[in-house]
C-alpha cells in the first residue's frame, strides 16, 4: 500500500514529534487540503484543523475563521495551499488578531512548511522558517486539459495530459507519466534531491512505480517517495527539494 508510511524515515520521525508537541502549545496550524490522503498527512504532521478546499472548491473567509475558532490556539497559522485561497486567508487574518498566513500556493509547499513547524518556537520564528521552507520546494502538477489552448510554445488539445512546473504548462502528452517525467527533467533534478509523488484519485500505481524506478536509474542517489494523496483533478502532484 502506498501511503504516509512511504515518507522517508527521517520525515516520519520528525512529523510524529511535531504532531505530539503541537497538541500542547498555544500555536495552532490550519491547512486547506483536498484529498483523503493529503488530509490525513496534514493531520499526521501536526495540523490542528484541516479545511476542505482546492482547485474548484475554495473555502470562504467565514470557513477559515470558523476553523480558527475550532483550532483554539492563542495564535493560528494558516496554510492556504492554493494560490486561489491565499486572498481569503489574508482577509481572515485582517479580520481577527492572532491569525497569520504562510502563503503556500501548492499542497507540497504546505507539507514542507509543516515539516519546518516547531510548536515550541515563537510565532515569528515559525513564520520565518515555514516561509523559507516553501521557497525551497519546486512543485509539479499533472492534470487533464478540459479545453484546447496554447501556452507559450506548448499547444494543448482537449483531453491531453499536461504538466505544470511552478504553475506554467511545460508539456502536453498522451500519458500522465510521460508529462510528469518531462516536467521533472526540467526542474533541475539531480542526484541527492528528494522527489515526492502524491498520487491522485485517478493515478496509476504501477505507472507511478515505473516513474520512480526510471528516476532512480537516471539519477543515482535520488530519493523518491510515493504517497497516496487522493486529490481530485490532479493525477499527480510532485515536489522536488
Foldseek 3Di string as FASTA:
>chain_A
DAAPVLDPPVLLVLQQVQQVQLVPFQEAEEEEAFFPRLLVLVNSSHHLYYHYDDDPRADALVSVLVRVVVSRHPAYEYEDQAQVRQVSQVVNCVVDPRYHYLDHHHSVLVSQLSSQDHRVDDPVVSSVRSNVRSVPKKKKFKFFACAWDDFDPETEHHGWIFMATNRGTDYTHHDRLVRVLVSCVVNPDAAPKEKEKAAALPADPVSVVVSVVVVCVVHPNYHYTYHHRNGPRTRIMMIID
